[in-house]
Amino acid sequence: MIVAAGRSRRTGSIDKLWTPLVDAKGRSRPLLAYCVAAFQLCPAVGRIVIVVAEEAIERTQALAEGEGWDKVCAVVAGGDRRQDSVRAGLESLDRCEWVIVHDGARPMVTPALIEQGLREAEETGAACCALPVPDTVKESDDAGRIVRTLDRSRLWLAQTPQTFRYDLLMKAHAQATGEATDDAALVEALGVDVRLYQGSPRNLKVTTRDDLALAQALLATST
């Protein structure tokens, strides 16, 4: 499932998902196309659902047809919150064993990273791509004063893809009582262990104009 229903508020007037980016071969495609293409190329993926803003449904369907993505089985409208969008995507899927959730704003995902998540999820039914925190982390009070320094050896920055047994993720969404910024948090709330596995610094999430420039530079040098 590619979740791409955000409003691109931090990139101003630019819609990051539809910003053209040029790859190393000189081909220009919207940012969204790069992450969908990785799932299309991944042998472990059988079906793809793309969740977008309602006004982008026809545009996304046209993109999928033009790119020849035969694994795309549905393009559906998202909700007000990220978890609402994921729930819409889950409901559009026929029942399956595994579901992989990925942010549409992470164009540098690879088939290898997707398949690793499936392997890691086999033990507990849930896995989250993440990066160990490289910097010293401070906790502050409301006035911006340091309260304490956290032990970074146990801290990770969550990324996507995140991989779950389908029934487990459905249960997590059905029982959710508050808002969560990712699906791993909803599954954690069930008391289920979520396996962390090493992500990639290249697997950045595009949220600002600077991120767009970095994604373009990475794509231009990727083989």
N, C-alpha and C. Protein backbone atom coordinates (compact mmCIF):
# COMPACT_ATOMS: atom_id res chain seq x y z
N MET A 1 0.83 -1.18 0.00
CA MET A 1 0.00 0.00 0.00
C MET A 1 0.88 1.25 0.00
N ILE A 2 0.66 2.11 -0.98
CA ILE A 2 1.36 3.39 -1.06
C ILE A 2 0.42 4.47 -0.54
N VAL A 3 0.80 5.12 0.56
CA VAL A 3 -0.03 6.16 1.18
C VAL A 3 0.46 7.52 0.70
N ALA A 4 -0.38 8.18 -0.10
CA ALA A 4 0.04 9.44 -0.73
C ALA A 4 -1.10 10.45 -0.74
N ALA A 5 -1.80 10.54 0.40
CA ALA A 5 -2.97 11.42 0.47
C ALA A 5 -2.68 12.72 1.20
N GLY A 6 -1.39 12.99 1.50
CA GLY A 6 -1.04 14.22 2.21
C GLY A 6 -1.23 15.46 1.36
N ARG A 7 -1.19 16.61 2.04
CA ARG A 7 -1.48 17.89 1.37
C ARG A 7 -0.24 18.72 1.05
N SER A 8 0.95 18.21 1.34
CA SER A 8 2.22 18.89 0.99
C SER A 8 2.29 20.30 1.57
N ARG A 9 1.87 20.46 2.82
CA ARG A 9 1.83 21.80 3.42
C ARG A 9 3.21 22.40 3.59
N ARG A 10 4.22 21.58 3.87
CA ARG A 10 5.54 22.13 4.15
C ARG A 10 6.36 22.40 2.90
N THR A 11 5.82 22.09 1.74
CA THR A 11 6.49 22.48 0.50
C THR A 11 5.79 23.66 -0.16
N GLY A 12 4.91 24.32 0.60
CA GLY A 12 4.25 25.52 0.08
C GLY A 12 3.29 25.21 -1.05
N SER A 13 3.45 25.96 -2.15
CA SER A 13 2.55 25.80 -3.29
C SER A 13 2.89 24.59 -4.15
N ILE A 14 4.02 23.93 -3.86
CA ILE A 14 4.46 22.78 -4.66
C ILE A 14 3.79 21.51 -4.14
N ASP A 15 3.21 20.73 -5.03
CA ASP A 15 2.70 19.41 -4.67
C ASP A 15 3.84 18.43 -4.85
N LYS A 16 4.46 18.04 -3.73
CA LYS A 16 5.68 17.24 -3.80
C LYS A 16 5.47 15.91 -4.53
N LEU A 17 4.31 15.30 -4.36
CA LEU A 17 4.07 13.98 -4.95
C LEU A 17 4.05 14.02 -6.47
N TRP A 18 3.73 15.19 -7.02
CA TRP A 18 3.63 15.31 -8.48
C TRP A 18 4.74 16.17 -9.06
N THR A 19 5.73 16.49 -8.24
CA THR A 19 6.89 17.24 -8.73
C THR A 19 7.73 16.35 -9.64
N PRO A 20 8.04 16.78 -10.86
CA PRO A 20 8.86 15.95 -11.76
C PRO A 20 10.29 15.83 -11.25
N LEU A 21 10.79 14.61 -11.22
CA LEU A 21 12.19 14.35 -10.87
C LEU A 21 12.82 13.55 -12.00
N VAL A 22 14.07 13.85 -12.30
CA VAL A 22 14.76 13.23 -13.42
C VAL A 22 15.73 12.18 -12.91
N ASP A 23 15.65 10.97 -13.47
CA ASP A 23 16.55 9.91 -13.02
C ASP A 23 17.87 9.95 -13.79
N ALA A 24 18.75 9.00 -13.49
CA ALA A 24 20.09 8.99 -14.07
C ALA A 24 20.07 8.78 -15.57
N LYS A 25 18.97 8.24 -16.11
CA LYS A 25 18.85 8.02 -17.55
C LYS A 25 18.20 9.21 -18.26
N GLY A 26 17.89 10.25 -17.50
CA GLY A 26 17.32 11.46 -18.09
C GLY A 26 15.80 11.42 -18.21
N ARG A 27 15.17 10.42 -17.63
CA ARG A 27 13.72 10.32 -17.71
C ARG A 27 13.07 11.09 -16.57
N SER A 28 12.06 11.90 -16.89
CA SER A 28 11.35 12.69 -15.89
C SER A 28 10.03 12.02 -15.54
N ARG A 29 9.83 11.82 -14.23
CA ARG A 29 8.57 11.25 -13.73
C ARG A 29 8.21 11.93 -12.42
N PRO A 30 6.92 11.95 -12.06
CA PRO A 30 6.55 12.51 -10.76
C PRO A 30 7.17 11.71 -9.62
N LEU A 31 7.43 12.39 -8.51
CA LEU A 31 8.03 11.75 -7.34
C LEU A 31 7.29 10.47 -6.96
N LEU A 32 5.96 10.52 -6.97
CA LEU A 32 5.15 9.36 -6.60
C LEU A 32 5.48 8.14 -7.44
N ALA A 33 5.83 8.35 -8.70
CA ALA A 33 6.08 7.22 -9.61
C ALA A 33 7.26 6.37 -9.17
N TYR A 34 8.25 6.97 -8.52
CA TYR A 34 9.46 6.23 -8.18
C TYR A 34 9.21 5.19 -7.10
N CYS A 35 8.41 5.54 -6.07
CA CYS A 35 8.18 4.54 -5.03
C CYS A 35 7.21 3.46 -5.53
N VAL A 36 6.22 3.82 -6.34
CA VAL A 36 5.31 2.81 -6.87
C VAL A 36 6.09 1.85 -7.77
N ALA A 37 7.00 2.38 -8.56
CA ALA A 37 7.79 1.55 -9.46
C ALA A 37 8.61 0.51 -8.71
N ALA A 38 9.12 0.86 -7.52
CA ALA A 38 9.90 -0.09 -6.72
C ALA A 38 9.04 -1.27 -6.29
N PHE A 39 7.79 -1.00 -5.95
CA PHE A 39 6.88 -2.09 -5.55
C PHE A 39 6.46 -2.91 -6.78
N GLN A 40 6.29 -2.25 -7.90
CA GLN A 40 5.97 -2.96 -9.14
C GLN A 40 7.08 -3.93 -9.50
N LEU A 41 8.33 -3.54 -9.26
CA LEU A 41 9.48 -4.37 -9.62
C LEU A 41 9.77 -5.46 -8.59
N CYS A 42 9.21 -5.36 -7.39
CA CYS A 42 9.52 -6.30 -6.32
C CYS A 42 8.79 -7.62 -6.53
N PRO A 43 9.49 -8.74 -6.69
CA PRO A 43 8.84 -10.02 -6.94
C PRO A 43 7.90 -10.47 -5.81
N ALA A 44 8.16 -10.02 -4.59
CA ALA A 44 7.36 -10.45 -3.44
C ALA A 44 6.00 -9.75 -3.37
N VAL A 45 5.83 -8.70 -4.14
CA VAL A 45 4.59 -7.91 -4.10
C VAL A 45 3.64 -8.40 -5.19
N GLY A 46 2.41 -8.74 -4.78
CA GLY A 46 1.43 -9.22 -5.75
C GLY A 46 0.44 -8.18 -6.20
N ARG A 47 0.05 -7.28 -5.27
CA ARG A 47 -0.93 -6.25 -5.59
C ARG A 47 -0.50 -4.93 -4.96
N ILE A 48 -0.87 -3.85 -5.59
CA ILE A 48 -0.55 -2.51 -5.09
C ILE A 48 -1.83 -1.69 -5.00
N VAL A 49 -2.06 -1.08 -3.84
CA VAL A 49 -3.12 -0.10 -3.66
C VAL A 49 -2.47 1.25 -3.43
N ILE A 50 -2.91 2.27 -4.14
CA ILE A 50 -2.39 3.62 -3.96
C ILE A 50 -3.50 4.47 -3.35
N VAL A 51 -3.19 5.11 -2.22
CA VAL A 51 -4.16 5.95 -1.52
C VAL A 51 -3.76 7.41 -1.73
N VAL A 52 -4.65 8.18 -2.34
CA VAL A 52 -4.34 9.56 -2.69
C VAL A 52 -5.51 10.46 -2.27
N ALA A 53 -5.31 11.77 -2.38
CA ALA A 53 -6.40 12.71 -2.17
C ALA A 53 -7.46 12.46 -3.24
N GLU A 54 -8.71 12.70 -2.90
CA GLU A 54 -9.80 12.38 -3.82
C GLU A 54 -9.62 13.04 -5.17
N GLU A 55 -9.14 14.29 -5.17
CA GLU A 55 -8.99 15.01 -6.42
C GLU A 55 -7.85 14.48 -7.29
N ALA A 56 -7.02 13.59 -6.73
CA ALA A 56 -5.88 13.04 -7.48
C ALA A 56 -6.13 11.63 -7.99
N ILE A 57 -7.33 11.10 -7.78
CA ILE A 57 -7.59 9.71 -8.17
C ILE A 57 -7.44 9.50 -9.67
N GLU A 58 -8.09 10.32 -10.48
CA GLU A 58 -8.03 10.14 -11.93
C GLU A 58 -6.61 10.33 -12.44
N ARG A 59 -5.90 11.29 -11.89
CA ARG A 59 -4.53 11.54 -12.30
C ARG A 59 -3.64 10.35 -11.98
N THR A 60 -3.86 9.74 -10.82
CA THR A 60 -3.06 8.59 -10.42
C THR A 60 -3.39 7.37 -11.27
N GLN A 61 -4.66 7.19 -11.57
CA GLN A 61 -5.05 6.07 -12.44
C GLN A 61 -4.43 6.22 -13.82
N ALA A 62 -4.38 7.45 -14.32
CA ALA A 62 -3.76 7.68 -15.62
C ALA A 62 -2.26 7.41 -15.57
N LEU A 63 -1.62 7.77 -14.46
CA LEU A 63 -0.19 7.51 -14.30
C LEU A 63 0.07 6.00 -14.29
N ALA A 64 -0.73 5.26 -13.53
CA ALA A 64 -0.55 3.81 -13.45
C ALA A 64 -0.72 3.16 -14.81
N GLU A 65 -1.71 3.61 -15.57
CA GLU A 65 -1.94 3.06 -16.90
C GLU A 65 -0.79 3.39 -17.83
N GLY A 66 -0.33 4.65 -17.77
CA GLY A 66 0.76 5.07 -18.65
C GLY A 66 2.07 4.37 -18.34
N GLU A 67 2.30 4.05 -17.05
CA GLU A 67 3.53 3.38 -16.64
C GLU A 67 3.45 1.86 -16.83
N GLY A 68 2.25 1.35 -17.08
CA GLY A 68 2.10 -0.09 -17.26
C GLY A 68 2.20 -0.87 -15.97
N TRP A 69 1.76 -0.28 -14.86
CA TRP A 69 1.84 -0.95 -13.56
C TRP A 69 0.68 -1.93 -13.43
N ASP A 70 0.89 -3.16 -13.82
CA ASP A 70 -0.20 -4.12 -13.80
C ASP A 70 -0.50 -4.67 -12.41
N LYS A 71 0.34 -4.37 -11.41
CA LYS A 71 0.06 -4.79 -10.04
C LYS A 71 -0.88 -3.84 -9.31
N VAL A 72 -1.10 -2.65 -9.86
CA VAL A 72 -1.99 -1.69 -9.20
C VAL A 72 -3.43 -2.17 -9.37
N CYS A 73 -4.03 -2.57 -8.24
CA CYS A 73 -5.38 -3.11 -8.29
C CYS A 73 -6.43 -2.10 -7.86
N ALA A 74 -6.00 -1.00 -7.22
CA ALA A 74 -6.97 0.01 -6.79
C ALA A 74 -6.26 1.33 -6.51
N VAL A 75 -6.96 2.41 -6.80
CA VAL A 75 -6.55 3.75 -6.40
C VAL A 75 -7.73 4.32 -5.62
N VAL A 76 -7.54 4.62 -4.34
CA VAL A 76 -8.65 5.02 -3.49
C VAL A 76 -8.36 6.34 -2.79
N ALA A 77 -9.43 6.99 -2.35
CA ALA A 77 -9.31 8.27 -1.66
C ALA A 77 -8.92 8.06 -0.20
N GLY A 78 -8.02 8.90 0.28
CA GLY A 78 -7.61 8.85 1.67
C GLY A 78 -8.54 9.65 2.58
N GLY A 79 -8.19 9.69 3.86
CA GLY A 79 -9.00 10.40 4.84
C GLY A 79 -8.28 11.61 5.41
N ASP A 80 -8.85 12.16 6.49
CA ASP A 80 -8.28 13.36 7.10
C ASP A 80 -6.94 13.08 7.77
N ARG A 81 -6.81 11.91 8.37
CA ARG A 81 -5.57 11.53 9.05
C ARG A 81 -4.88 10.40 8.30
N ARG A 82 -3.59 10.25 8.56
CA ARG A 82 -2.85 9.18 7.89
C ARG A 82 -3.48 7.82 8.18
N GLN A 83 -3.85 7.57 9.42
CA GLN A 83 -4.41 6.26 9.75
C GLN A 83 -5.76 6.03 9.07
N ASP A 84 -6.49 7.12 8.80
CA ASP A 84 -7.73 6.98 8.04
C ASP A 84 -7.44 6.56 6.60
N SER A 85 -6.36 7.09 6.06
CA SER A 85 -5.97 6.73 4.69
C SER A 85 -5.53 5.28 4.61
N VAL A 86 -4.76 4.83 5.62
CA VAL A 86 -4.33 3.43 5.63
C VAL A 86 -5.54 2.51 5.77
N ARG A 87 -6.47 2.90 6.62
CA ARG A 87 -7.68 2.07 6.80
C ARG A 87 -8.45 1.96 5.48
N ALA A 88 -8.53 3.06 4.73
CA ALA A 88 -9.21 3.02 3.43
C ALA A 88 -8.49 2.07 2.48
N GLY A 89 -7.17 2.09 2.52
CA GLY A 89 -6.40 1.18 1.67
C GLY A 89 -6.59 -0.27 2.06
N LEU A 90 -6.62 -0.54 3.37
CA LEU A 90 -6.84 -1.91 3.84
C LEU A 90 -8.19 -2.44 3.40
N GLU A 91 -9.20 -1.59 3.50
CA GLU A 91 -10.55 -2.02 3.14
C GLU A 91 -10.70 -2.27 1.64
N SER A 92 -9.82 -1.66 0.84
CA SER A 92 -9.90 -1.86 -0.61
C SER A 92 -9.20 -3.14 -1.06
N LEU A 93 -8.39 -3.71 -0.17
CA LEU A 93 -7.67 -4.94 -0.50
C LEU A 93 -8.57 -6.15 -0.25
N ASP A 94 -8.49 -7.12 -1.13
CA ASP A 94 -9.04 -8.42 -0.78
C ASP A 94 -8.14 -9.00 0.32
N ARG A 95 -8.70 -9.88 1.12
CA ARG A 95 -7.93 -10.44 2.22
C ARG A 95 -6.63 -11.07 1.70
N CYS A 96 -5.54 -10.80 2.40
CA CYS A 96 -4.24 -11.33 2.01
C CYS A 96 -3.47 -11.67 3.28
N GLU A 97 -2.30 -12.26 3.13
CA GLU A 97 -1.52 -12.66 4.31
C GLU A 97 -0.72 -11.51 4.87
N TRP A 98 -0.08 -10.72 3.98
CA TRP A 98 0.79 -9.64 4.42
C TRP A 98 0.39 -8.34 3.75
N VAL A 99 0.62 -7.24 4.46
CA VAL A 99 0.44 -5.91 3.87
C VAL A 99 1.67 -5.07 4.21
N ILE A 100 2.17 -4.37 3.21
CA ILE A 100 3.33 -3.49 3.37
C ILE A 100 2.84 -2.07 3.16
N VAL A 101 3.07 -1.21 4.16
CA VAL A 101 2.63 0.17 4.09
C VAL A 101 3.85 1.06 3.85
N HIS A 102 3.75 1.93 2.83
CA HIS A 102 4.88 2.80 2.49
C HIS A 102 4.39 4.21 2.20
N ASP A 103 5.18 5.19 2.64
CA ASP A 103 4.88 6.60 2.39
C ASP A 103 5.17 6.93 0.93
N GLY A 104 4.19 7.51 0.26
CA GLY A 104 4.40 7.91 -1.14
C GLY A 104 5.45 8.97 -1.31
N ALA A 105 5.82 9.65 -0.23
CA ALA A 105 6.83 10.70 -0.29
C ALA A 105 8.25 10.18 -0.06
N ARG A 106 8.42 8.85 -0.08
CA ARG A 106 9.76 8.25 0.03
C ARG A 106 10.11 7.58 -1.30
N PRO A 107 10.65 8.35 -2.25
CA PRO A 107 10.86 7.82 -3.60
C PRO A 107 12.05 6.89 -3.75
N MET A 108 12.93 6.82 -2.74
CA MET A 108 14.17 6.05 -2.91
C MET A 108 14.08 4.64 -2.33
N VAL A 109 12.89 4.17 -2.02
CA VAL A 109 12.74 2.80 -1.53
C VAL A 109 13.17 1.82 -2.63
N THR A 110 13.64 0.66 -2.22
CA THR A 110 14.12 -0.34 -3.18
C THR A 110 13.41 -1.68 -2.96
N PRO A 111 13.36 -2.53 -3.98
CA PRO A 111 12.80 -3.87 -3.79
C PRO A 111 13.50 -4.65 -2.68
N ALA A 112 14.80 -4.47 -2.53
CA ALA A 112 15.55 -5.18 -1.49
C ALA A 112 15.07 -4.77 -0.10
N LEU A 113 14.82 -3.49 0.10
CA LEU A 113 14.35 -3.00 1.40
C LEU A 113 12.94 -3.53 1.69
N ILE A 114 12.12 -3.62 0.66
CA ILE A 114 10.76 -4.16 0.80
C ILE A 114 10.82 -5.63 1.20
N GLU A 115 11.63 -6.41 0.52
CA GLU A 115 11.71 -7.84 0.79
C GLU A 115 12.33 -8.13 2.15
N GLN A 116 13.25 -7.30 2.58
CA GLN A 116 13.84 -7.49 3.90
C GLN A 116 12.78 -7.34 4.99
N GLY A 117 11.87 -6.39 4.81
CA GLY A 117 10.79 -6.20 5.78
C GLY A 117 9.92 -7.43 5.91
N LEU A 118 9.64 -8.08 4.80
CA LEU A 118 8.85 -9.32 4.84
C LEU A 118 9.56 -10.41 5.62
N ARG A 119 10.85 -10.53 5.42
CA ARG A 119 11.62 -11.54 6.15
C ARG A 119 11.64 -11.25 7.64
N GLU A 120 11.83 -9.98 8.00
CA GLU A 120 11.93 -9.61 9.41
C GLU A 120 10.59 -9.76 10.12
N ALA A 121 9.49 -9.59 9.40
CA ALA A 121 8.16 -9.65 10.01
C ALA A 121 7.70 -11.07 10.30
N GLU A 122 8.39 -12.06 9.77
CA GLU A 122 7.94 -13.45 9.93
C GLU A 122 7.90 -13.90 11.38
N GLU A 123 8.78 -13.37 12.21
CA GLU A 123 8.86 -13.82 13.61
C GLU A 123 7.67 -13.37 14.44
N THR A 124 7.32 -12.08 14.37
CA THR A 124 6.27 -11.53 15.24
C THR A 124 5.02 -11.09 14.48
N GLY A 125 5.13 -11.01 13.15
CA GLY A 125 4.02 -10.52 12.35
C GLY A 125 4.09 -9.04 12.07
N ALA A 126 5.17 -8.38 12.50
CA ALA A 126 5.28 -6.93 12.30
C ALA A 126 6.75 -6.52 12.23
N ALA A 127 7.07 -5.64 11.28
CA ALA A 127 8.44 -5.14 11.14
C ALA A 127 8.42 -3.70 10.66
N CYS A 128 9.39 -2.95 11.11
CA CYS A 128 9.48 -1.52 10.79
C CYS A 128 10.89 -1.18 10.34
N CYS A 129 11.00 -0.64 9.15
CA CYS A 129 12.26 -0.13 8.65
C CYS A 129 12.64 1.12 9.46
N ALA A 130 13.90 1.23 9.89
CA ALA A 130 14.29 2.35 10.74
C ALA A 130 15.79 2.57 10.69
N LEU A 131 16.21 3.73 11.17
CA LEU A 131 17.63 4.07 11.25
C LEU A 131 18.02 4.34 12.69
N PRO A 132 19.14 3.79 13.16
CA PRO A 132 19.64 4.15 14.49
C PRO A 132 19.93 5.65 14.54
N VAL A 133 19.60 6.29 15.65
CA VAL A 133 19.84 7.73 15.79
C VAL A 133 21.34 7.99 15.89
N PRO A 134 21.92 8.82 14.99
CA PRO A 134 23.36 9.03 15.00
C PRO A 134 23.82 10.16 15.91
N ASP A 135 22.90 11.06 16.28
CA ASP A 135 23.28 12.26 17.04
C ASP A 135 22.85 12.15 18.50
N THR A 136 23.44 12.99 19.33
CA THR A 136 23.01 13.09 20.72
C THR A 136 21.62 13.72 20.76
N VAL A 137 20.72 13.14 21.56
CA VAL A 137 19.34 13.60 21.61
C VAL A 137 19.05 14.20 22.98
N LYS A 138 18.49 15.41 22.99
CA LYS A 138 18.13 16.11 24.21
C LYS A 138 16.62 16.19 24.36
N GLU A 139 16.13 16.02 25.57
CA GLU A 139 14.72 16.28 25.87
C GLU A 139 14.63 17.64 26.54
N SER A 140 13.64 18.45 26.12
CA SER A 140 13.52 19.80 26.67
C SER A 140 12.19 19.99 27.39
N ASP A 141 12.11 21.05 28.19
CA ASP A 141 10.84 21.45 28.76
C ASP A 141 10.16 22.45 27.83
N ASP A 142 9.03 22.99 28.22
CA ASP A 142 8.27 23.90 27.36
C ASP A 142 9.02 25.20 27.08
N ALA A 143 9.97 25.54 27.91
CA ALA A 143 10.74 26.78 27.72
C ALA A 143 12.00 26.56 26.90
N GLY A 144 12.20 25.34 26.41
CA GLY A 144 13.36 25.06 25.58
C GLY A 144 14.62 24.77 26.36
N ARG A 145 14.48 24.46 27.65
CA ARG A 145 15.64 24.11 28.47
C ARG A 145 15.82 22.59 28.48
N ILE A 146 17.06 22.15 28.47
CA ILE A 146 17.34 20.71 28.47
C ILE A 146 16.90 20.09 29.78
N VAL A 147 16.12 19.04 29.68
CA VAL A 147 15.69 18.27 30.84
C VAL A 147 16.63 17.10 31.08
N ARG A 148 16.97 16.41 29.98
CA ARG A 148 17.88 15.28 30.10
C ARG A 148 18.43 14.91 28.73
N THR A 149 19.50 14.15 28.75
CA THR A 149 20.09 13.61 27.53
C THR A 149 19.70 12.13 27.44
N LEU A 150 19.11 11.76 26.30
CA LEU A 150 18.63 10.39 26.14
C LEU A 150 19.74 9.46 25.67
N ASP A 151 19.58 8.20 25.99
CA ASP A 151 20.54 7.18 25.56
C ASP A 151 20.25 6.83 24.11
N ARG A 152 21.06 7.34 23.19
CA ARG A 152 20.78 7.15 21.78
C ARG A 152 21.02 5.72 21.31
N SER A 153 21.70 4.91 22.11
CA SER A 153 21.99 3.54 21.69
C SER A 153 20.72 2.71 21.52
N ARG A 154 19.59 3.19 22.08
CA ARG A 154 18.33 2.46 21.97
C ARG A 154 17.27 3.25 21.19
N LEU A 155 17.70 4.30 20.50
CA LEU A 155 16.76 5.15 19.77
C LEU A 155 16.89 4.92 18.27
N TRP A 156 15.75 4.90 17.61
CA TRP A 156 15.68 4.70 16.16
C TRP A 156 14.75 5.73 15.53
N LEU A 157 15.02 6.08 14.28
CA LEU A 157 14.14 6.93 13.49
C LEU A 157 13.33 6.03 12.57
N ALA A 158 12.02 5.99 12.78
CA ALA A 158 11.16 5.10 11.99
C ALA A 158 11.04 5.59 10.56
N GLN A 159 11.09 4.66 9.63
CA GLN A 159 10.85 4.92 8.22
C GLN A 159 9.70 4.02 7.75
N THR A 160 9.47 4.00 6.49
CA THR A 160 8.67 2.96 5.85
C THR A 160 9.54 2.41 4.73
N PRO A 161 9.29 1.16 4.30
CA PRO A 161 8.10 0.35 4.51
C PRO A 161 8.00 -0.25 5.91
N GLN A 162 6.72 -0.45 6.32
CA GLN A 162 6.39 -1.18 7.53
C GLN A 162 5.51 -2.36 7.11
N THR A 163 5.81 -3.52 7.63
CA THR A 163 5.20 -4.76 7.14
C THR A 163 4.45 -5.47 8.27
N PHE A 164 3.23 -5.94 7.97
CA PHE A 164 2.40 -6.55 8.99
C PHE A 164 1.58 -7.70 8.39
N ARG A 165 1.22 -8.67 9.25
CA ARG A 165 0.18 -9.59 8.86
C ARG A 165 -1.10 -8.78 8.64
N TYR A 166 -1.82 -9.08 7.61
CA TYR A 166 -3.01 -8.31 7.26
C TYR A 166 -4.01 -8.27 8.42
N ASP A 167 -4.29 -9.44 9.01
CA ASP A 167 -5.29 -9.48 10.08
C ASP A 167 -4.83 -8.69 11.30
N LEU A 168 -3.53 -8.68 11.57
CA LEU A 168 -2.99 -7.94 12.70
C LEU A 168 -3.16 -6.44 12.51
N LEU A 169 -2.85 -5.96 11.32
CA LEU A 169 -2.98 -4.53 11.07
C LEU A 169 -4.45 -4.10 11.06
N MET A 170 -5.33 -4.91 10.52
CA MET A 170 -6.75 -4.62 10.57
C MET A 170 -7.24 -4.51 12.01
N LYS A 171 -6.80 -5.43 12.86
CA LYS A 171 -7.18 -5.39 14.27
C LYS A 171 -6.66 -4.13 14.95
N ALA A 172 -5.42 -3.76 14.64
CA ALA A 172 -4.82 -2.56 15.23
C ALA A 172 -5.61 -1.31 14.87
N HIS A 173 -6.04 -1.21 13.62
CA HIS A 173 -6.82 -0.04 13.20
C HIS A 173 -8.22 -0.07 13.80
N ALA A 174 -8.80 -1.24 13.90
CA ALA A 174 -10.15 -1.34 14.46
C ALA A 174 -10.18 -0.95 15.94
N GLN A 175 -9.10 -1.23 16.66
CA GLN A 175 -9.06 -0.96 18.09
C GLN A 175 -8.37 0.35 18.45
N ALA A 176 -7.94 1.11 17.46
CA ALA A 176 -7.24 2.36 17.73
C ALA A 176 -8.16 3.35 18.45
N THR A 177 -7.65 3.95 19.51
CA THR A 177 -8.44 4.90 20.29
C THR A 177 -7.94 6.33 20.14
N GLY A 178 -6.77 6.51 19.61
CA GLY A 178 -6.22 7.85 19.44
C GLY A 178 -5.53 7.98 18.10
N GLU A 179 -4.81 9.06 17.92
CA GLU A 179 -4.11 9.29 16.65
C GLU A 179 -2.69 8.77 16.74
N ALA A 180 -2.23 8.15 15.67
CA ALA A 180 -0.87 7.62 15.61
C ALA A 180 -0.20 8.12 14.34
N THR A 181 1.11 8.37 14.42
CA THR A 181 1.83 8.88 13.25
C THR A 181 2.31 7.79 12.32
N ASP A 182 2.29 6.53 12.79
CA ASP A 182 2.61 5.43 11.89
C ASP A 182 1.87 4.18 12.35
N ASP A 183 1.88 3.17 11.49
CA ASP A 183 1.14 1.95 11.78
C ASP A 183 1.81 1.10 12.84
N ALA A 184 3.12 1.18 12.94
CA ALA A 184 3.82 0.43 13.98
C ALA A 184 3.32 0.81 15.36
N ALA A 185 3.01 2.09 15.56
CA ALA A 185 2.51 2.54 16.87
C ALA A 185 1.17 1.91 17.20
N LEU A 186 0.30 1.74 16.20
CA LEU A 186 -1.00 1.11 16.42
C LEU A 186 -0.84 -0.36 16.78
N VAL A 187 0.10 -1.03 16.12
CA VAL A 187 0.34 -2.44 16.41
C VAL A 187 1.01 -2.59 17.77
N GLU A 188 1.92 -1.69 18.13
CA GLU A 188 2.53 -1.69 19.45
C GLU A 188 1.46 -1.62 20.54
N ALA A 189 0.42 -0.84 20.29
CA ALA A 189 -0.65 -0.66 21.28
C ALA A 189 -1.39 -1.95 21.58
N LEU A 190 -1.30 -2.93 20.68
CA LEU A 190 -1.90 -4.25 20.91
C LEU A 190 -1.03 -5.14 21.79
N GLY A 191 0.19 -4.66 22.08
CA GLY A 191 1.12 -5.47 22.84
C GLY A 191 1.94 -6.42 21.99
N VAL A 192 1.93 -6.19 20.68
CA VAL A 192 2.67 -7.03 19.74
C VAL A 192 4.08 -6.47 19.54
N ASP A 193 5.07 -7.34 19.53
CA ASP A 193 6.44 -6.91 19.27
C ASP A 193 6.61 -6.56 17.80
N VAL A 194 7.16 -5.38 17.55
CA VAL A 194 7.45 -4.94 16.18
C VAL A 194 8.96 -5.00 15.98
N ARG A 195 9.39 -5.76 15.00
CA ARG A 195 10.82 -5.95 14.74
C ARG A 195 11.37 -4.75 13.96
N LEU A 196 12.42 -4.14 14.48
CA LEU A 196 13.11 -3.07 13.76
C LEU A 196 14.19 -3.67 12.87
N TYR A 197 14.32 -3.13 11.68
CA TYR A 197 15.43 -3.55 10.82
C TYR A 197 16.05 -2.33 10.14
N GLN A 198 17.31 -2.49 9.77
CA GLN A 198 18.11 -1.38 9.26
C GLN A 198 17.55 -0.82 7.96
N GLY A 199 17.23 0.45 7.98
CA GLY A 199 16.79 1.14 6.78
C GLY A 199 17.97 1.73 6.03
N SER A 200 17.71 2.82 5.31
CA SER A 200 18.76 3.46 4.53
C SER A 200 18.63 4.98 4.63
N PRO A 201 19.76 5.69 4.80
CA PRO A 201 19.69 7.16 4.79
C PRO A 201 19.14 7.71 3.47
N ARG A 202 19.29 6.93 2.39
CA ARG A 202 18.77 7.37 1.10
C ARG A 202 17.24 7.30 1.03
N ASN A 203 16.66 6.54 1.92
CA ASN A 203 15.22 6.34 1.93
C ASN A 203 14.53 7.50 2.66
N LEU A 204 14.85 8.72 2.23
CA LEU A 204 14.36 9.90 2.91
C LEU A 204 12.89 10.17 2.59
N LYS A 205 12.23 10.86 3.53
CA LYS A 205 10.86 11.30 3.31
C LYS A 205 10.90 12.77 2.87
N VAL A 206 10.33 13.05 1.74
CA VAL A 206 10.34 14.42 1.21
C VAL A 206 9.24 15.22 1.88
N THR A 207 9.63 16.22 2.65
CA THR A 207 8.66 17.09 3.31
C THR A 207 8.88 18.57 3.01
N THR A 208 10.09 18.94 2.59
CA THR A 208 10.41 20.34 2.32
C THR A 208 11.01 20.48 0.92
N ARG A 209 11.19 21.72 0.49
CA ARG A 209 11.83 21.98 -0.81
C ARG A 209 13.27 21.47 -0.82
N ASP A 210 13.96 21.59 0.31
CA ASP A 210 15.33 21.07 0.39
C ASP A 210 15.35 19.55 0.19
N ASP A 211 14.34 18.88 0.75
CA ASP A 211 14.25 17.43 0.56
C ASP A 211 14.04 17.08 -0.90
N LEU A 212 13.25 17.88 -1.60
CA LEU A 212 13.04 17.65 -3.04
C LEU A 212 14.35 17.74 -3.80
N ALA A 213 15.15 18.75 -3.46
CA ALA A 213 16.45 18.92 -4.12
C ALA A 213 17.37 17.73 -3.83
N LEU A 214 17.33 17.24 -2.59
CA LEU A 214 18.17 16.09 -2.23
C LEU A 214 17.70 14.83 -2.95
N ALA A 215 16.39 14.63 -3.02
CA ALA A 215 15.86 13.46 -3.74
C ALA A 215 16.26 13.51 -5.20
N GLN A 216 16.21 14.69 -5.79
CA GLN A 216 16.62 14.82 -7.19
C GLN A 216 18.09 14.48 -7.37
N ALA A 217 18.93 14.94 -6.45
CA ALA A 217 20.35 14.63 -6.55
C ALA A 217 20.62 13.13 -6.40
N LEU A 218 19.90 12.47 -5.50
CA LEU A 218 20.08 11.04 -5.30
C LEU A 218 19.61 10.25 -6.53
N LEU A 219 18.47 10.63 -7.09
CA LEU A 219 17.96 9.94 -8.27
C LEU A 219 18.91 10.11 -9.47
N ALA A 220 19.51 11.28 -9.57
CA ALA A 220 20.39 11.55 -10.71
C ALA A 220 21.65 10.71 -10.68
N THR A 221 21.99 10.18 -9.50
CA THR A 221 23.22 9.39 -9.38
C THR A 221 22.92 7.91 -9.15
N SER A 222 21.63 7.53 -9.15
CA SER A 222 21.28 6.14 -8.91
C SER A 222 21.35 5.34 -10.21
N THR A 223 21.80 4.11 -10.10
CA THR A 223 21.87 3.26 -11.28
C THR A 223 20.66 2.34 -11.35
